[in-house]
Amino acid sequence: MKDKLANDEFLHFIHITKTAGGSLIQSLINAPSLADKIVHANNRILRDLDESIYQNKRILFGHFPFGIHTITQKSANYAAFFRHPITRVISHYHQLYQVDQGYIGRRIRAEGQNINEYFQTQHYIHDEFMDFYMKNLLDDLIIPETRETGMSFFDKCQLSRETGIELALQRLHQLRFIGIQEFYELSMIYLAEFLQIPFIEFEVKRSSDYAKRVNATVWELKDIEPKTLEIIKQKNQIDCLLYEEALKLFFTRYR
């Protein structure tokens, strides 16, 4: 690996929902070299972000989009894990349907008794089920007054579809580290190299109490009807393109 994060560099680690983030953050905070160097950002920290929160830290980890470096006033060093968009959406649906007790979970449960009914009726498709990787990469480009409108994502950014895809790909290439959930253990080996810490410090497990609670869902691909898969694929065409590019970067950077 050629690119490595220096000890004095700050990293913004984007946690994209359902890409092994629960297991990842546990491994990071349990690593002796990183234990006191990580800020696990919740909504309050992100809302009240100031320099004192991440002073003498190396990593800010949480659900935030590309572009948060303009708030932290740190260099634009980013990392993220990716997963095949279709299985990410299916997993995210089941998490929200079975676990989430807020408005979104209730709305999803009201729209169908199962994932096939939910997607095939298409009365309400949650925003995070449609090209969510792209939205994480371009969210900072949204014109503030359009954020809560019913406009398309690209209209909110005042971008054409072609320009938006090109920018998302550019930003994907700017990520200093890319991990792939389907190659989780291998990704963690590369992450240790990137962070310049001994791999042995990582507890590379996928069964923490946190992960068990958040991922308390059971589903099998055979239960998903072909029509449902096709709808999910159509809703995530750009994410499929980004995932394919992320795979290429993963295997070329770390070979």
C-alpha atoms as a PDB file:
ATOM      1  CA  MET A   1       0.000   0.000   0.000  1.00  0.00           C
ATOM      2  CA  LYS A   2       1.474   3.328  -1.086  1.00  0.00           C
ATOM      3  CA  ASP A   3      -0.899   5.752   0.653  1.00  0.00           C
ATOM      4  CA  LYS A   4      -0.749   5.776   4.437  1.00  0.00           C
ATOM      5  CA  LEU A   5      -2.262   8.194   6.941  1.00  0.00           C
ATOM      6  CA  ALA A   6       0.440  10.068   8.845  1.00  0.00           C
ATOM      7  CA  ASN A   7       0.130  10.285  12.625  1.00  0.00           C
ATOM      8  CA  ASP A   8      -0.543  14.000  12.448  1.00  0.00           C
ATOM      9  CA  GLU A   9      -3.257  13.694   9.759  1.00  0.00           C
ATOM     10  CA  PHE A  10      -6.979  13.739  10.583  1.00  0.00           C
ATOM     11  CA  LEU A  11      -9.409  11.266   8.985  1.00  0.00           C
ATOM     12  CA  HIS A  12     -13.158  11.669   8.410  1.00  0.00           C
ATOM     13  CA  PHE A  13     -14.561   8.122   8.385  1.00  0.00           C
ATOM     14  CA  ILE A  14     -17.992   8.091   6.741  1.00  0.00           C
ATOM     15  CA  HIS A  15     -20.279   5.387   8.161  1.00  0.00           C
ATOM     16  CA  ILE A  16     -22.759   4.509   5.429  1.00  0.00           C
ATOM     17  CA  THR A  17     -25.694   2.627   6.939  1.00  0.00           C
ATOM     18  CA  LYS A  18     -25.486  -1.193   6.728  1.00  0.00           C
ATOM     19  CA  THR A  19     -21.851  -1.419   5.668  1.00  0.00           C
ATOM     20  CA  ALA A  20     -20.479  -3.130   8.815  1.00  0.00           C
ATOM     21  CA  GLY A  21     -20.104   0.142  10.707  1.00  0.00           C
ATOM     22  CA  GLY A  22     -21.030  -1.352  14.097  1.00  0.00           C
ATOM     23  CA  SER A  23     -18.295  -3.971  13.887  1.00  0.00           C
ATOM     24  CA  LEU A  24     -15.851  -1.460  12.456  1.00  0.00           C
ATOM     25  CA  ILE A  25     -16.211   1.174  15.176  1.00  0.00           C
ATOM     26  CA  GLN A  26     -15.834  -1.495  17.872  1.00  0.00           C
ATOM     27  CA  SER A  27     -12.583  -2.666  16.279  1.00  0.00           C
ATOM     28  CA  LEU A  28     -11.311   0.901  16.054  1.00  0.00           C
ATOM     29  CA  ILE A  29     -12.074   1.965  19.611  1.00  0.00           C
ATOM     30  CA  ASN A  30     -10.745  -1.343  21.015  1.00  0.00           C
ATOM     31  CA  ALA A  31      -7.394  -0.912  19.256  1.00  0.00           C
ATOM     32  CA  PRO A  32      -4.917   0.328  21.929  1.00  0.00           C
ATOM     33  CA  SER A  33      -3.227   2.693  19.465  1.00  0.00           C
ATOM     34  CA  LEU A  34      -6.540   4.366  18.629  1.00  0.00           C
ATOM     35  CA  ALA A  35      -8.632   4.095  21.791  1.00  0.00           C
ATOM     36  CA  ASP A  36      -8.257   7.756  22.779  1.00  0.00           C
ATOM     37  CA  LYS A  37      -7.886   9.047  19.218  1.00  0.00           C
ATOM     38  CA  ILE A  38     -11.437   8.548  17.928  1.00  0.00           C
ATOM     39  CA  VAL A  39     -14.561  10.684  18.090  1.00  0.00           C
ATOM     40  CA  HIS A  40     -17.680   8.563  17.474  1.00  0.00           C
ATOM     41  CA  ALA A  41     -20.026  11.231  16.201  1.00  0.00           C
ATOM     42  CA  ASN A  42     -23.680  11.106  17.180  1.00  0.00           C
ATOM     43  CA  ASN A  43     -26.256  13.689  16.100  1.00  0.00           C
ATOM     44  CA  ARG A  44     -25.492  15.993  19.033  1.00  0.00           C
ATOM     45  CA  ILE A  45     -21.762  16.016  18.329  1.00  0.00           C
ATOM     46  CA  LEU A  46     -22.370  16.730  14.655  1.00  0.00           C
ATOM     47  CA  ARG A  47     -24.800  19.524  15.495  1.00  0.00           C
ATOM     48  CA  ASP A  48     -22.470  21.150  18.029  1.00  0.00           C
ATOM     49  CA  LEU A  49     -19.202  20.305  16.299  1.00  0.00           C
ATOM     50  CA  ASP A  50     -16.311  22.479  17.463  1.00  0.00           C
ATOM     51  CA  GLU A  51     -12.564  22.078  17.641  1.00  0.00           C
ATOM     52  CA  SER A  52     -12.503  21.050  21.303  1.00  0.00           C
ATOM     53  CA  ILE A  53     -14.390  17.831  20.480  1.00  0.00           C
ATOM     54  CA  TYR A  54     -11.727  16.461  18.145  1.00  0.00           C
ATOM     55  CA  GLN A  55      -8.617  18.142  19.514  1.00  0.00           C
ATOM     56  CA  ASN A  56      -5.726  15.619  19.668  1.00  0.00           C
ATOM     57  CA  LYS A  57      -7.865  13.045  17.833  1.00  0.00           C
ATOM     58  CA  ARG A  58      -7.074  11.172  14.609  1.00  0.00           C
ATOM     59  CA  ILE A  59     -10.486   9.971  13.432  1.00  0.00           C
ATOM     60  CA  LEU A  60     -14.022  11.354  13.305  1.00  0.00           C
ATOM     61  CA  PHE A  61     -16.372   8.405  12.660  1.00  0.00           C
ATOM     62  CA  GLY A  62     -20.095   8.667  12.056  1.00  0.00           C
ATOM     63  CA  HIS A  63     -23.101   9.128   9.786  1.00  0.00           C
ATOM     64  CA  PHE A  64     -22.065  12.265   7.943  1.00  0.00           C
ATOM     65  CA  PRO A  65     -21.552  13.007   4.234  1.00  0.00           C
ATOM     66  CA  PHE A  66     -18.516  13.944   2.220  1.00  0.00           C
ATOM     67  CA  GLY A  67     -17.806  17.649   2.757  1.00  0.00           C
ATOM     68  CA  ILE A  68     -17.837  17.782   6.563  1.00  0.00           C
ATOM     69  CA  HIS A  69     -14.171  18.852   6.450  1.00  0.00           C
ATOM     70  CA  THR A  70     -15.438  22.361   5.679  1.00  0.00           C
ATOM     71  CA  ILE A  71     -16.919  22.322   9.201  1.00  0.00           C
ATOM     72  CA  THR A  72     -14.055  20.601  11.015  1.00  0.00           C
ATOM     73  CA  GLN A  73     -11.574  22.793   9.123  1.00  0.00           C
ATOM     74  CA  LYS A  74      -9.380  19.727   8.668  1.00  0.00           C
ATOM     75  CA  SER A  75      -7.855  18.387   5.461  1.00  0.00           C
ATOM     76  CA  ALA A  76     -10.244  16.521   3.133  1.00  0.00           C
ATOM     77  CA  ASN A  77      -9.118  13.048   4.186  1.00  0.00           C
ATOM     78  CA  TYR A  78     -11.998  10.572   3.907  1.00  0.00           C
ATOM     79  CA  ALA A  79     -12.586   6.844   4.293  1.00  0.00           C
ATOM     80  CA  ALA A  80     -15.659   4.640   3.866  1.00  0.00           C
ATOM     81  CA  PHE A  81     -16.792   1.038   3.530  1.00  0.00           C
ATOM     82  CA  PHE A  82     -19.062  -0.052   0.680  1.00  0.00           C
ATOM     83  CA  ARG A  83     -21.335  -3.017   0.047  1.00  0.00           C
ATOM     84  CA  HIS A  84     -23.276  -4.225  -2.967  1.00  0.00           C
ATOM     85  CA  PRO A  85     -26.160  -1.723  -3.177  1.00  0.00           C
ATOM     86  CA  ILE A  86     -28.875  -4.362  -3.569  1.00  0.00           C
ATOM     87  CA  THR A  87     -27.956  -6.290  -0.414  1.00  0.00           C
ATOM     88  CA  ARG A  88     -27.348  -3.006   1.439  1.00  0.00           C
ATOM     89  CA  VAL A  89     -30.878  -1.816   0.638  1.00  0.00           C
ATOM     90  CA  ILE A  90     -32.425  -5.178   1.574  1.00  0.00           C
ATOM     91  CA  SER A  91     -30.546  -5.219   4.880  1.00  0.00           C
ATOM     92  CA  HIS A  92     -31.435  -1.586   5.576  1.00  0.00           C
ATOM     93  CA  TYR A  93     -35.111  -2.261   4.874  1.00  0.00           C
ATOM     94  CA  HIS A  94     -35.194  -5.168   7.341  1.00  0.00           C
ATOM     95  CA  GLN A  95     -33.400  -3.147  10.004  1.00  0.00           C
ATOM     96  CA  LEU A  96     -35.902  -0.297   9.734  1.00  0.00           C
ATOM     97  CA  TYR A  97     -38.904  -2.630   9.471  1.00  0.00           C
ATOM     98  CA  GLN A  98     -37.974  -4.783  12.464  1.00  0.00           C
ATOM     99  CA  VAL A  99     -36.008  -2.453  14.744  1.00  0.00           C
ATOM    100  CA  ASP A 100     -36.707   1.216  14.069  1.00  0.00           C
ATOM    101  CA  GLN A 101     -39.474   2.615  16.288  1.00  0.00           C
ATOM    102  CA  GLY A 102     -39.408   6.124  14.849  1.00  0.00           C
ATOM    103  CA  TYR A 103     -41.417   7.726  12.073  1.00  0.00           C
ATOM    104  CA  ILE A 104     -39.534   6.024   9.226  1.00  0.00           C
ATOM    105  CA  GLY A 105     -39.909   2.541  10.710  1.00  0.00           C
ATOM    106  CA  ARG A 106     -43.630   3.079  11.309  1.00  0.00           C
ATOM    107  CA  ARG A 107     -44.117   4.428   7.779  1.00  0.00           C
ATOM    108  CA  ILE A 108     -42.337   1.455   6.225  1.00  0.00           C
ATOM    109  CA  ARG A 109     -44.378  -1.036   8.240  1.00  0.00           C
ATOM    110  CA  ALA A 110     -47.569   0.759   7.196  1.00  0.00           C
ATOM    111  CA  GLU A 111     -46.696   0.380   3.512  1.00  0.00           C
ATOM    112  CA  GLY A 112     -46.526  -3.407   3.372  1.00  0.00           C
ATOM    113  CA  GLN A 113     -46.318  -6.660   5.312  1.00  0.00           C
ATOM    114  CA  ASN A 114     -43.008  -7.643   3.689  1.00  0.00           C
ATOM    115  CA  ILE A 115     -40.258  -6.311   1.448  1.00  0.00           C
ATOM    116  CA  ASN A 116     -41.914  -7.498  -1.788  1.00  0.00           C
ATOM    117  CA  GLU A 117     -45.192  -5.759  -1.003  1.00  0.00           C
ATOM    118  CA  TYR A 118     -43.349  -2.622   0.130  1.00  0.00           C
ATOM    119  CA  PHE A 119     -41.264  -2.119  -3.004  1.00  0.00           C
ATOM    120  CA  GLN A 120     -43.826  -3.333  -5.521  1.00  0.00           C
ATOM    121  CA  THR A 121     -46.571  -0.958  -4.386  1.00  0.00           C
ATOM    122  CA  GLN A 122     -44.068   1.951  -4.430  1.00  0.00           C
ATOM    123  CA  HIS A 123     -46.324   4.275  -2.415  1.00  0.00           C
ATOM    124  CA  TYR A 124     -43.380   5.419  -0.324  1.00  0.00           C
ATOM    125  CA  ILE A 125     -39.745   4.574  -1.053  1.00  0.00           C
ATOM    126  CA  HIS A 126     -37.450   5.762   1.729  1.00  0.00           C
ATOM    127  CA  ASP A 127     -34.799   8.173   0.458  1.00  0.00           C
ATOM    128  CA  GLU A 128     -31.950   6.011   1.782  1.00  0.00           C
ATOM    129  CA  PHE A 129     -33.109   3.101  -0.403  1.00  0.00           C
ATOM    130  CA  MET A 130     -32.266   5.040  -3.592  1.00  0.00           C
ATOM    131  CA  ASP A 131     -28.655   5.743  -4.657  1.00  0.00           C
ATOM    132  CA  PHE A 132     -27.545   6.357  -1.083  1.00  0.00           C
ATOM    133  CA  TYR A 133     -23.819   6.215  -1.883  1.00  0.00           C
ATOM    134  CA  MET A 134     -24.243   9.028  -4.371  1.00  0.00           C
ATOM    135  CA  LYS A 135     -26.158  11.101  -1.808  1.00  0.00           C
ATOM    136  CA  ASN A 136     -23.409  10.628   0.777  1.00  0.00           C
ATOM    137  CA  LEU A 137     -20.818  11.795  -1.736  1.00  0.00           C
ATOM    138  CA  LEU A 138     -22.764  14.853  -2.968  1.00  0.00           C
ATOM    139  CA  ASP A 139     -24.953  15.911  -0.027  1.00  0.00           C
ATOM    140  CA  ASP A 140     -22.983  19.096   0.644  1.00  0.00           C
ATOM    141  CA  LEU A 141     -23.923  20.372  -2.824  1.00  0.00           C
ATOM    142  CA  ILE A 142     -27.650  20.543  -2.020  1.00  0.00           C
ATOM    143  CA  ILE A 143     -29.020  24.101  -2.103  1.00  0.00           C
ATOM    144  CA  PRO A 144     -30.215  24.565   1.528  1.00  0.00           C
ATOM    145  CA  GLU A 145     -33.670  25.924   0.705  1.00  0.00           C
ATOM    146  CA  THR A 146     -34.405  22.918  -1.535  1.00  0.00           C
ATOM    147  CA  ARG A 147     -33.448  20.214   0.988  1.00  0.00           C
ATOM    148  CA  GLU A 148     -36.953  19.558   2.315  1.00  0.00           C
ATOM    149  CA  THR A 149     -38.726  19.912  -1.026  1.00  0.00           C
ATOM    150  CA  GLY A 150     -39.944  17.152  -3.306  1.00  0.00           C
ATOM    151  CA  MET A 151     -37.430  18.059  -5.989  1.00  0.00           C
ATOM    152  CA  SER A 152     -35.149  15.373  -7.418  1.00  0.00           C
ATOM    153  CA  PHE A 153     -31.720  15.076  -5.833  1.00  0.00           C
ATOM    154  CA  PHE A 154     -29.912  16.479  -8.859  1.00  0.00           C
ATOM    155  CA  ASP A 155     -32.342  19.399  -9.080  1.00  0.00           C
ATOM    156  CA  LYS A 156     -31.656  20.152  -5.421  1.00  0.00           C
ATOM    157  CA  CYS A 157     -27.973  20.375  -6.312  1.00  0.00           C
ATOM    158  CA  GLN A 158     -28.644  22.217  -9.584  1.00  0.00           C
ATOM    159  CA  LEU A 159     -26.702  19.525 -11.429  1.00  0.00           C
ATOM    160  CA  SER A 160     -27.458  17.458 -14.480  1.00  0.00           C
ATOM    161  CA  ARG A 161     -27.532  13.715 -13.960  1.00  0.00           C
ATOM    162  CA  GLU A 162     -24.363  13.290 -16.021  1.00  0.00           C
ATOM    163  CA  THR A 163     -22.466  15.977 -14.082  1.00  0.00           C
ATOM    164  CA  GLY A 164     -23.656  14.571 -10.760  1.00  0.00           C
ATOM    165  CA  ILE A 165     -22.448  11.069 -11.608  1.00  0.00           C
ATOM    166  CA  GLU A 166     -19.095  12.450 -12.755  1.00  0.00           C
ATOM    167  CA  LEU A 167     -18.666  14.407  -9.505  1.00  0.00           C
ATOM    168  CA  ALA A 168     -19.633  11.385  -7.392  1.00  0.00           C
ATOM    169  CA  LEU A 169     -17.023   9.269  -9.173  1.00  0.00           C
ATOM    170  CA  GLN A 170     -14.415  11.975  -8.687  1.00  0.00           C
ATOM    171  CA  ARG A 171     -15.118  12.133  -4.969  1.00  0.00           C
ATOM    172  CA  LEU A 172     -15.057   8.347  -4.701  1.00  0.00           C
ATOM    173  CA  HIS A 173     -11.517   8.451  -6.097  1.00  0.00           C
ATOM    174  CA  GLN A 174     -10.632  11.110  -3.522  1.00  0.00           C
ATOM    175  CA  LEU A 175     -11.350   8.762  -0.605  1.00  0.00           C
ATOM    176  CA  ARG A 176      -8.019   7.955   1.017  1.00  0.00           C
ATOM    177  CA  PHE A 177      -9.271   4.520   2.122  1.00  0.00           C
ATOM    178  CA  ILE A 178     -11.984   2.267   0.706  1.00  0.00           C
ATOM    179  CA  GLY A 179     -13.158  -0.895   2.451  1.00  0.00           C
ATOM    180  CA  ILE A 180     -15.539  -3.517   1.065  1.00  0.00           C
ATOM    181  CA  GLN A 181     -17.938  -5.288   3.415  1.00  0.00           C
ATOM    182  CA  GLU A 182     -17.884  -8.482   1.364  1.00  0.00           C
ATOM    183  CA  PHE A 183     -14.106  -8.539   1.975  1.00  0.00           C
ATOM    184  CA  TYR A 184     -14.310  -7.314   5.539  1.00  0.00           C
ATOM    185  CA  GLU A 185     -11.341  -9.143   7.083  1.00  0.00           C
ATOM    186  CA  LEU A 186      -9.094  -8.265   4.134  1.00  0.00           C
ATOM    187  CA  SER A 187     -10.291  -4.660   4.338  1.00  0.00           C
ATOM    188  CA  MET A 188      -9.312  -4.548   8.004  1.00  0.00           C
ATOM    189  CA  ILE A 189      -5.801  -5.766   7.165  1.00  0.00           C
ATOM    190  CA  TYR A 190      -5.498  -2.933   4.659  1.00  0.00           C
ATOM    191  CA  LEU A 191      -7.010  -0.458   7.118  1.00  0.00           C
ATOM    192  CA  ALA A 192      -4.378  -1.334   9.706  1.00  0.00           C
ATOM    193  CA  GLU A 193      -1.681  -0.702   7.092  1.00  0.00           C
ATOM    194  CA  PHE A 194      -3.303   2.597   6.117  1.00  0.00           C
ATOM    195  CA  LEU A 195      -3.507   3.767   9.749  1.00  0.00           C
ATOM    196  CA  GLN A 196      -0.010   2.412  10.417  1.00  0.00           C
ATOM    197  CA  ILE A 197      -0.988   0.312  13.418  1.00  0.00           C
ATOM    198  CA  PRO A 198      -0.413  -3.421  14.043  1.00  0.00           C
ATOM    199  CA  PHE A 199      -3.233  -5.517  12.598  1.00  0.00           C
ATOM    200  CA  ILE A 200      -3.166  -7.654  15.748  1.00  0.00           C
ATOM    201  CA  GLU A 201      -4.724  -4.706  17.615  1.00  0.00           C
ATOM    202  CA  PHE A 202      -7.964  -5.138  15.683  1.00  0.00           C
ATOM    203  CA  GLU A 203     -10.568  -7.519  17.037  1.00  0.00           C
ATOM    204  CA  VAL A 204     -11.955  -8.454  13.650  1.00  0.00           C
ATOM    205  CA  LYS A 205     -15.323  -9.761  14.766  1.00  0.00           C
ATOM    206  CA  ARG A 206     -18.793  -9.393  13.357  1.00  0.00           C
ATOM    207  CA  SER A 207     -20.700 -10.369  16.499  1.00  0.00           C
ATOM    208  CA  SER A 208     -20.421  -7.557  19.049  1.00  0.00           C
ATOM    209  CA  ASP A 209     -23.397  -6.904  21.334  1.00  0.00           C
ATOM    210  CA  TYR A 210     -23.962  -3.635  19.498  1.00  0.00           C
ATOM    211  CA  ALA A 211     -23.959  -5.346  16.099  1.00  0.00           C
ATOM    212  CA  LYS A 212     -26.310  -8.065  17.346  1.00  0.00           C
ATOM    213  CA  ARG A 213     -28.772  -5.465  18.596  1.00  0.00           C
ATOM    214  CA  VAL A 214     -28.670  -3.254  15.505  1.00  0.00           C
ATOM    215  CA  ASN A 215     -28.659  -6.171  13.075  1.00  0.00           C
ATOM    216  CA  ALA A 216     -31.383  -8.162  14.817  1.00  0.00           C
ATOM    217  CA  THR A 217     -32.853  -9.072  11.468  1.00  0.00           C
ATOM    218  CA  VAL A 218     -33.000 -12.278   9.476  1.00  0.00           C
ATOM    219  CA  TRP A 219     -33.518 -12.423   5.725  1.00  0.00           C
ATOM    220  CA  GLU A 220     -32.572 -14.607   2.813  1.00  0.00           C
ATOM    221  CA  LEU A 221     -32.161 -13.609  -0.802  1.00  0.00           C
ATOM    222  CA  LYS A 222     -34.402 -16.451  -1.923  1.00  0.00           C
ATOM    223  CA  ASP A 223     -37.353 -14.699  -0.270  1.00  0.00           C
ATOM    224  CA  ILE A 224     -36.938 -11.640  -2.500  1.00  0.00           C
ATOM    225  CA  GLU A 225     -39.046 -11.826  -5.652  1.00  0.00           C
ATOM    226  CA  PRO A 226     -37.363 -11.053  -9.010  1.00  0.00           C
ATOM    227  CA  LYS A 227     -39.653  -8.053  -9.518  1.00  0.00           C
ATOM    228  CA  THR A 228     -38.540  -6.635  -6.166  1.00  0.00           C
ATOM    229  CA  LEU A 229     -34.874  -7.092  -7.019  1.00  0.00           C
ATOM    230  CA  GLU A 230     -35.407  -5.355 -10.350  1.00  0.00           C
ATOM    231  CA  ILE A 231     -37.081  -2.366  -8.664  1.00  0.00           C
ATOM    232  CA  ILE A 232     -34.231  -2.058  -6.137  1.00  0.00           C
ATOM    233  CA  LYS A 233     -31.717  -2.292  -8.967  1.00  0.00           C
ATOM    234  CA  GLN A 234     -33.524   0.428 -10.930  1.00  0.00           C
ATOM    235  CA  LYS A 235     -33.571   2.694  -7.874  1.00  0.00           C
ATOM    236  CA  ASN A 236     -29.828   2.213  -7.365  1.00  0.00           C
ATOM    237  CA  GLN A 237     -28.321   2.328 -10.827  1.00  0.00           C
ATOM    238  CA  ILE A 238     -25.832   5.043  -9.891  1.00  0.00           C
ATOM    239  CA  ASP A 239     -24.875   3.262  -6.662  1.00  0.00           C
ATOM    240  CA  CYS A 240     -24.210   0.071  -8.639  1.00  0.00           C
ATOM    241  CA  LEU A 241     -21.849   2.083 -10.831  1.00  0.00           C
ATOM    242  CA  LEU A 242     -20.137   3.591  -7.787  1.00  0.00           C
ATOM    243  CA  TYR A 243     -19.835   0.194  -6.114  1.00  0.00           C
ATOM    244  CA  GLU A 244     -18.251  -1.300  -9.218  1.00  0.00           C
ATOM    245  CA  GLU A 245     -15.728   1.543  -9.245  1.00  0.00           C
ATOM    246  CA  ALA A 246     -15.096   1.117  -5.489  1.00  0.00           C
ATOM    247  CA  LEU A 247     -14.284  -2.560  -6.111  1.00  0.00           C
ATOM    248  CA  LYS A 248     -11.822  -1.615  -8.844  1.00  0.00           C
ATOM    249  CA  LEU A 249     -10.127   0.894  -6.551  1.00  0.00           C
ATOM    250  CA  PHE A 250     -10.006  -1.632  -3.713  1.00  0.00           C
ATOM    251  CA  PHE A 251      -8.240  -4.272  -5.776  1.00  0.00           C
ATOM    252  CA  THR A 252      -5.858  -1.904  -7.584  1.00  0.00           C
ATOM    253  CA  ARG A 253      -4.808   0.060  -4.511  1.00  0.00           C
ATOM    254  CA  TYR A 254      -4.159  -2.906  -2.281  1.00  0.00           C
ATOM    255  CA  ARG A 255      -2.698  -5.529  -4.613  1.00  0.00           C
END
